[in-house]
Structures are given as C-alpha cells and as structure tokens.
Amino acid sequence: ASGLYGLGVTPSGGHVYAASQDAGRVYIVDTG
C-alpha cells in the first residue's frame, strides 16, 4: 500500500513486516 515507512525482518528471515502510514496497516511479506 502507499505510504510505506518502517519495516523489519523476522529472526528466521522468513517474513518482512512493512508499515503503511497511509493505510494504517502492517503488511507481512513472505521472503521465500
């Protein structure tokens, strides 16, 4: 979603969490 700002990777490296200021949501991306 638009307005992405903060993000980080899980300890296993399996997922990325990305926060959208515009949508007011956190999106979870499968790194595989």
PDB file of all heavy atoms in Angstrom:
ATOM      1  N   ALA A   1       0.855  -1.184   0.000  1.00  0.00           N
ATOM      2  CA  ALA A   1       0.000   0.000   0.000  1.00  0.00           C
ATOM      3  C   ALA A   1       0.890   1.232   0.000  1.00  0.00           C
ATOM      4  O   ALA A   1       2.053   1.174   0.408  1.00  0.00           O
ATOM      5  CB  ALA A   1      -0.916   0.011   1.229  1.00  0.00           C
ATOM      6  N   SER A   2       0.365   2.359  -0.448  1.00  0.00           N
ATOM      7  CA  SER A   2       1.153   3.579  -0.480  1.00  0.00           C
ATOM      8  C   SER A   2       1.471   4.054   0.941  1.00  0.00           C
ATOM      9  O   SER A   2       0.796   3.696   1.894  1.00  0.00           O
ATOM     10  CB  SER A   2       0.410   4.667  -1.246  1.00  0.00           C
ATOM     11  OG  SER A   2      -0.794   5.009  -0.579  1.00  0.00           O
ATOM     12  N   GLY A   3       2.510   4.858   1.043  1.00  0.00           N
ATOM     13  CA  GLY A   3       2.884   5.411   2.343  1.00  0.00           C
ATOM     14  C   GLY A   3       3.683   4.482   3.215  1.00  0.00           C
ATOM     15  O   GLY A   3       3.726   4.641   4.431  1.00  0.00           O
ATOM     16  N   LEU A   4       4.364   3.497   2.615  1.00  0.00           N
ATOM     17  CA  LEU A   4       5.200   2.610   3.420  1.00  0.00           C
ATOM     18  C   LEU A   4       6.322   3.400   4.083  1.00  0.00           C
ATOM     19  O   LEU A   4       6.893   4.317   3.490  1.00  0.00           O
ATOM     20  CB  LEU A   4       5.812   1.509   2.563  1.00  0.00           C
ATOM     21  CG  LEU A   4       4.892   0.415   2.033  1.00  0.00           C
ATOM     22  CD1 LEU A   4       5.729  -0.659   1.344  1.00  0.00           C
ATOM     23  CD2 LEU A   4       4.057  -0.200   3.146  1.00  0.00           C
ATOM     24  N   TYR A   5       6.651   3.035   5.320  1.00  0.00           N
ATOM     25  CA  TYR A   5       7.763   3.688   6.006  1.00  0.00           C
ATOM     26  C   TYR A   5       8.630   2.660   6.734  1.00  0.00           C
ATOM     27  O   TYR A   5       9.652   2.235   6.248  1.00  0.00           O
ATOM     28  CB  TYR A   5       7.266   4.763   6.982  1.00  0.00           C
ATOM     29  CG  TYR A   5       8.245   5.891   7.141  1.00  0.00           C
ATOM     30  CD1 TYR A   5       7.943   7.178   6.708  1.00  0.00           C
ATOM     31  CD2 TYR A   5       9.500   5.670   7.717  1.00  0.00           C
ATOM     32  CE1 TYR A   5       8.862   8.212   6.842  1.00  0.00           C
ATOM     33  CE2 TYR A   5      10.421   6.695   7.851  1.00  0.00           C
ATOM     34  CZ  TYR A   5      10.094   7.971   7.415  1.00  0.00           C
ATOM     35  OH  TYR A   5      10.993   8.978   7.543  1.00  0.00           O
ATOM     36  N   GLY A   6       8.226   2.260   7.938  1.00  0.00           N
ATOM     37  CA  GLY A   6       9.050   1.335   8.707  1.00  0.00           C
ATOM     38  C   GLY A   6       8.888  -0.095   8.234  1.00  0.00           C
ATOM     39  O   GLY A   6       7.824  -0.498   7.765  1.00  0.00           O
ATOM     40  N   LEU A   7       9.966  -0.867   8.354  1.00  0.00           N
ATOM     41  CA  LEU A   7       9.876  -2.288   8.057  1.00  0.00           C
ATOM     42  C   LEU A   7      11.002  -3.024   8.760  1.00  0.00           C
ATOM     43  O   LEU A   7      11.975  -2.425   9.228  1.00  0.00           O
ATOM     44  CB  LEU A   7       9.897  -2.568   6.556  1.00  0.00           C
ATOM     45  CG  LEU A   7      11.229  -2.697   5.815  1.00  0.00           C
ATOM     46  CD1 LEU A   7      10.999  -3.247   4.418  1.00  0.00           C
ATOM     47  CD2 LEU A   7      11.959  -1.384   5.730  1.00  0.00           C
ATOM     48  N   GLY A   8      10.832  -4.364   8.865  1.00  0.00           N
ATOM     49  CA  GLY A   8      11.849  -5.179   9.507  1.00  0.00           C
ATOM     50  C   GLY A   8      11.680  -6.626   9.119  1.00  0.00           C
ATOM     51  O   GLY A   8      10.662  -7.017   8.548  1.00  0.00           O
ATOM     52  N   VAL A   9      12.708  -7.418   9.423  1.00  0.00           N
ATOM     53  CA  VAL A   9      12.741  -8.825   9.046  1.00  0.00           C
ATOM     54  C   VAL A   9      12.653  -9.689  10.304  1.00  0.00           C
ATOM     55  O   VAL A   9      13.251  -9.360  11.331  1.00  0.00           O
ATOM     56  CB  VAL A   9      14.032  -9.165   8.280  1.00  0.00           C
ATOM     57  CG1 VAL A   9      13.978 -10.575   7.722  1.00  0.00           C
ATOM     58  CG2 VAL A   9      14.272  -8.160   7.157  1.00  0.00           C
ATOM     59  N   THR A  10      11.925 -10.805  10.229  1.00  0.00           N
ATOM     60  CA  THR A  10      11.795 -11.709  11.369  1.00  0.00           C
ATOM     61  C   THR A  10      13.123 -12.419  11.643  1.00  0.00           C
ATOM     62  O   THR A  10      13.983 -12.488  10.775  1.00  0.00           O
ATOM     63  CB  THR A  10      10.700 -12.756  11.109  1.00  0.00           C
ATOM     64  OG1 THR A  10      11.021 -13.464   9.910  1.00  0.00           O
ATOM     65  CG2 THR A  10       9.333 -12.111  10.974  1.00  0.00           C
ATOM     66  N   PRO A  11      13.303 -12.955  12.865  1.00  0.00           N
ATOM     67  CA  PRO A  11      14.575 -13.599  13.228  1.00  0.00           C
ATOM     68  C   PRO A  11      14.975 -14.726  12.285  1.00  0.00           C
ATOM     69  O   PRO A  11      16.149 -14.909  11.989  1.00  0.00           O
ATOM     70  CB  PRO A  11      14.307 -14.146  14.635  1.00  0.00           C
ATOM     71  CG  PRO A  11      13.207 -13.314  15.165  1.00  0.00           C
ATOM     72  CD  PRO A  11      12.354 -12.948  13.991  1.00  0.00           C
ATOM     73  N   SER A  12      13.998 -15.480  11.799  1.00  0.00           N
ATOM     74  CA  SER A  12      14.299 -16.586  10.887  1.00  0.00           C
ATOM     75  C   SER A  12      14.559 -16.107   9.474  1.00  0.00           C
ATOM     76  O   SER A  12      15.053 -16.856   8.631  1.00  0.00           O
ATOM     77  CB  SER A  12      13.120 -17.557  10.862  1.00  0.00           C
ATOM     78  OG  SER A  12      11.975 -16.914  10.304  1.00  0.00           O
ATOM     79  N   GLY A  13      14.211 -14.859   9.212  1.00  0.00           N
ATOM     80  CA  GLY A  13      14.322 -14.336   7.854  1.00  0.00           C
ATOM     81  C   GLY A  13      13.155 -14.715   6.978  1.00  0.00           C
ATOM     82  O   GLY A  13      13.147 -14.426   5.778  1.00  0.00           O
ATOM     83  N   GLY A  14      12.138 -15.330   7.563  1.00  0.00           N
ATOM     84  CA  GLY A  14      11.005 -15.816   6.779  1.00  0.00           C
ATOM     85  C   GLY A  14      10.005 -14.760   6.354  1.00  0.00           C
ATOM     86  O   GLY A  14       9.290 -14.952   5.376  1.00  0.00           O
ATOM     87  N   HIS A  15       9.939 -13.649   7.091  1.00  0.00           N
ATOM     88  CA  HIS A  15       8.944 -12.634   6.775  1.00  0.00           C
ATOM     89  C   HIS A  15       9.503 -11.220   6.946  1.00  0.00           C
ATOM     90  O   HIS A  15      10.392 -10.991   7.768  1.00  0.00           O
ATOM     91  CB  HIS A  15       7.704 -12.777   7.665  1.00  0.00           C
ATOM     92  CG  HIS A  15       6.948 -14.047   7.426  1.00  0.00           C
ATOM     93  ND1 HIS A  15       7.207 -15.207   8.127  1.00  0.00           N
ATOM     94  CD2 HIS A  15       5.952 -14.351   6.545  1.00  0.00           C
ATOM     95  CE1 HIS A  15       6.412 -16.165   7.700  1.00  0.00           C
ATOM     96  NE2 HIS A  15       5.642 -15.677   6.735  1.00  0.00           N
ATOM     97  N   VAL A  16       8.947 -10.320   6.160  1.00  0.00           N
ATOM     98  CA  VAL A  16       9.208  -8.898   6.306  1.00  0.00           C
ATOM     99  C   VAL A  16       7.917  -8.229   6.727  1.00  0.00           C
ATOM    100  O   VAL A  16       6.851  -8.502   6.146  1.00  0.00           O
ATOM    101  CB  VAL A  16       9.705  -8.274   4.978  1.00  0.00           C
ATOM    102  CG1 VAL A  16       9.748  -6.754   5.072  1.00  0.00           C
ATOM    103  CG2 VAL A  16      11.082  -8.813   4.629  1.00  0.00           C
ATOM    104  N   TYR A  17       7.976  -7.388   7.755  1.00  0.00           N
ATOM    105  CA  TYR A  17       6.826  -6.598   8.181  1.00  0.00           C
ATOM    106  C   TYR A  17       7.014  -5.174   7.671  1.00  0.00           C
ATOM    107  O   TYR A  17       8.070  -4.576   7.889  1.00  0.00           O
ATOM    108  CB  TYR A  17       6.724  -6.586   9.706  1.00  0.00           C
ATOM    109  CG  TYR A  17       6.158  -7.849  10.313  1.00  0.00           C
ATOM    110  CD1 TYR A  17       6.755  -9.082  10.110  1.00  0.00           C
ATOM    111  CD2 TYR A  17       5.017  -7.796  11.102  1.00  0.00           C
ATOM    112  CE1 TYR A  17       6.244 -10.239  10.665  1.00  0.00           C
ATOM    113  CE2 TYR A  17       4.494  -8.954  11.664  1.00  0.00           C
ATOM    114  CZ  TYR A  17       5.114 -10.169  11.444  1.00  0.00           C
ATOM    115  OH  TYR A  17       4.596 -11.314  12.007  1.00  0.00           O
ATOM    116  N   ALA A  18       6.007  -4.638   7.006  1.00  0.00           N
ATOM    117  CA  ALA A  18       6.091  -3.286   6.440  1.00  0.00           C
ATOM    118  C   ALA A  18       4.879  -2.470   6.871  1.00  0.00           C
ATOM    119  O   ALA A  18       3.738  -2.901   6.692  1.00  0.00           O
ATOM    120  CB  ALA A  18       6.161  -3.354   4.913  1.00  0.00           C
ATOM    121  N   ALA A  19       5.132  -1.287   7.452  1.00  0.00           N
ATOM    122  CA  ALA A  19       4.057  -0.441   7.967  1.00  0.00           C
ATOM    123  C   ALA A  19       3.722   0.670   6.981  1.00  0.00           C
ATOM    124  O   ALA A  19       4.610   1.361   6.486  1.00  0.00           O
ATOM    125  CB  ALA A  19       4.454   0.165   9.310  1.00  0.00           C
ATOM    126  N   SER A  20       2.434   0.829   6.703  1.00  0.00           N
ATOM    127  CA  SER A  20       1.952   1.885   5.812  1.00  0.00           C
ATOM    128  C   SER A  20       1.292   2.987   6.625  1.00  0.00           C
ATOM    129  O   SER A  20       0.310   2.743   7.328  1.00  0.00           O
ATOM    130  CB  SER A  20       0.949   1.325   4.801  1.00  0.00           C
ATOM    131  OG  SER A  20       0.259   2.379   4.143  1.00  0.00           O
ATOM    132  N   GLN A  21       1.839   4.200   6.518  1.00  0.00           N
ATOM    133  CA  GLN A  21       1.227   5.347   7.183  1.00  0.00           C
ATOM    134  C   GLN A  21      -0.126   5.682   6.560  1.00  0.00           C
ATOM    135  O   GLN A  21      -1.071   6.046   7.259  1.00  0.00           O
ATOM    136  CB  GLN A  21       2.145   6.562   7.088  1.00  0.00           C
ATOM    137  CG  GLN A  21       3.428   6.432   7.901  1.00  0.00           C
ATOM    138  CD  GLN A  21       4.320   7.636   7.700  1.00  0.00           C
ATOM    139  OE1 GLN A  21       4.665   7.989   6.581  1.00  0.00           O
ATOM    140  NE2 GLN A  21       4.702   8.266   8.791  1.00  0.00           N
ATOM    141  N   ASP A  22      -0.213   5.585   5.236  1.00  0.00           N
ATOM    142  CA  ASP A  22      -1.444   5.962   4.548  1.00  0.00           C
ATOM    143  C   ASP A  22      -2.582   4.990   4.847  1.00  0.00           C
ATOM    144  O   ASP A  22      -3.729   5.397   5.074  1.00  0.00           O
ATOM    145  CB  ASP A  22      -1.213   6.024   3.035  1.00  0.00           C
ATOM    146  CG  ASP A  22      -0.288   7.162   2.628  1.00  0.00           C
ATOM    147  OD1 ASP A  22       0.038   7.990   3.503  1.00  0.00           O
ATOM    148  OD2 ASP A  22       0.105   7.218   1.448  1.00  0.00           O
ATOM    149  N   ALA A  23      -2.267   3.697   4.831  1.00  0.00           N
ATOM    150  CA  ALA A  23      -3.312   2.694   5.027  1.00  0.00           C
ATOM    151  C   ALA A  23      -3.555   2.390   6.500  1.00  0.00           C
ATOM    152  O   ALA A  23      -4.584   1.805   6.844  1.00  0.00           O
ATOM    153  CB  ALA A  23      -2.943   1.406   4.293  1.00  0.00           C
ATOM    154  N   GLY A  24      -2.627   2.778   7.375  1.00  0.00           N
ATOM    155  CA  GLY A  24      -2.764   2.457   8.792  1.00  0.00           C
ATOM    156  C   GLY A  24      -2.718   0.956   9.023  1.00  0.00           C
ATOM    157  O   GLY A  24      -3.406   0.427   9.886  1.00  0.00           O
ATOM    158  N   ARG A  25      -1.868   0.262   8.263  1.00  0.00           N
ATOM    159  CA  ARG A  25      -1.784  -1.190   8.354  1.00  0.00           C
ATOM    160  C   ARG A  25      -0.335  -1.648   8.334  1.00  0.00           C
ATOM    161  O   ARG A  25       0.552  -0.935   7.856  1.00  0.00           O
ATOM    162  CB  ARG A  25      -2.516  -1.858   7.176  1.00  0.00           C
ATOM    163  CG  ARG A  25      -4.019  -1.661   7.175  1.00  0.00           C
ATOM    164  CD  ARG A  25      -4.635  -2.281   5.924  1.00  0.00           C
ATOM    165  NE  ARG A  25      -6.083  -2.063   5.879  1.00  0.00           N
ATOM    166  CZ  ARG A  25      -6.976  -2.899   6.374  1.00  0.00           C
ATOM    167  NH1 ARG A  25      -6.581  -4.020   6.948  1.00  0.00           N
ATOM    168  NH2 ARG A  25      -8.269  -2.641   6.306  1.00  0.00           N
ATOM    169  N   VAL A  26      -0.115  -2.859   8.820  1.00  0.00           N
ATOM    170  CA  VAL A  26       1.162  -3.535   8.676  1.00  0.00           C
ATOM    171  C   VAL A  26       0.962  -4.715   7.734  1.00  0.00           C
ATOM    172  O   VAL A  26       0.040  -5.516   7.915  1.00  0.00           O
ATOM    173  CB  VAL A  26       1.697  -4.020  10.035  1.00  0.00           C
ATOM    174  CG1 VAL A  26       2.915  -4.917   9.844  1.00  0.00           C
ATOM    175  CG2 VAL A  26       2.064  -2.826  10.908  1.00  0.00           C
ATOM    176  N   TYR A  27       1.819  -4.823   6.727  1.00  0.00           N
ATOM    177  CA  TYR A  27       1.737  -5.888   5.733  1.00  0.00           C
ATOM    178  C   TYR A  27       2.872  -6.881   5.960  1.00  0.00           C
ATOM    179  O   TYR A  27       3.998  -6.492   6.288  1.00  0.00           O
ATOM    180  CB  TYR A  27       1.821  -5.302   4.320  1.00  0.00           C
ATOM    181  CG  TYR A  27       0.642  -4.426   3.991  1.00  0.00           C
ATOM    182  CD1 TYR A  27       0.611  -3.093   4.403  1.00  0.00           C
ATOM    183  CD2 TYR A  27      -0.451  -4.928   3.303  1.00  0.00           C
ATOM    184  CE1 TYR A  27      -0.487  -2.284   4.125  1.00  0.00           C
ATOM    185  CE2 TYR A  27      -1.551  -4.130   3.023  1.00  0.00           C
ATOM    186  CZ  TYR A  27      -1.560  -2.804   3.439  1.00  0.00           C
ATOM    187  OH  TYR A  27      -2.641  -2.009   3.167  1.00  0.00           O
ATOM    188  N   ILE A  28       2.575  -8.167   5.794  1.00  0.00           N
ATOM    189  CA  ILE A  28       3.532  -9.224   6.053  1.00  0.00           C
ATOM    190  C   ILE A  28       3.909  -9.888   4.734  1.00  0.00           C
ATOM    191  O   ILE A  28       3.050 -10.439   4.039  1.00  0.00           O
ATOM    192  CB  ILE A  28       2.962 -10.253   7.034  1.00  0.00           C
ATOM    193  CG1 ILE A  28       2.502  -9.554   8.319  1.00  0.00           C
ATOM    194  CG2 ILE A  28       4.001 -11.325   7.354  1.00  0.00           C
ATOM    195  CD1 ILE A  28       1.702 -10.442   9.237  1.00  0.00           C
ATOM    196  N   VAL A  29       5.188  -9.828   4.386  1.00  0.00           N
ATOM    197  CA  VAL A  29       5.691 -10.358   3.122  1.00  0.00           C
ATOM    198  C   VAL A  29       6.477 -11.645   3.387  1.00  0.00           C
ATOM    199  O   VAL A  29       7.360 -11.677   4.240  1.00  0.00           O
ATOM    200  CB  VAL A  29       6.585  -9.342   2.404  1.00  0.00           C
ATOM    201  CG1 VAL A  29       7.139  -9.926   1.100  1.00  0.00           C
ATOM    202  CG2 VAL A  29       5.837  -8.039   2.130  1.00  0.00           C
ATOM    203  N   ASP A  30       6.138 -12.699   2.664  1.00  0.00           N
ATOM    204  CA  ASP A  30       6.861 -13.970   2.734  1.00  0.00           C
ATOM    205  C   ASP A  30       8.146 -13.821   1.918  1.00  0.00           C
ATOM    206  O   ASP A  30       8.105 -13.577   0.718  1.00  0.00           O
ATOM    207  CB  ASP A  30       5.981 -15.081   2.149  1.00  0.00           C
ATOM    208  CG  ASP A  30       6.598 -16.459   2.306  1.00  0.00           C
ATOM    209  OD1 ASP A  30       7.813 -16.617   1.996  1.00  0.00           O
ATOM    210  OD2 ASP A  30       5.889 -17.390   2.704  1.00  0.00           O
ATOM    211  N   THR A  31       9.309 -13.959   2.568  1.00  0.00           N
ATOM    212  CA  THR A  31      10.565 -13.762   1.866  1.00  0.00           C
ATOM    213  C   THR A  31      10.922 -14.916   0.936  1.00  0.00           C
ATOM    214  O   THR A  31      11.773 -14.760   0.056  1.00  0.00           O
ATOM    215  CB  THR A  31      11.715 -13.546   2.857  1.00  0.00           C
ATOM    216  OG1 THR A  31      11.847 -14.700   3.702  1.00  0.00           O
ATOM    217  CG2 THR A  31      11.479 -12.310   3.707  1.00  0.00           C
ATOM    218  N   GLY A  32      10.281 -16.056   1.129  1.00  0.00           N
ATOM    219  CA  GLY A  32      10.533 -17.188   0.234  1.00  0.00           C
ATOM    220  C   GLY A  32       9.912 -16.990  -1.120  1.00  0.00           C
ATOM    221  O   GLY A  32      10.488 -17.370  -2.153  1.00  0.00           O
TER     222      GLY A  32
END
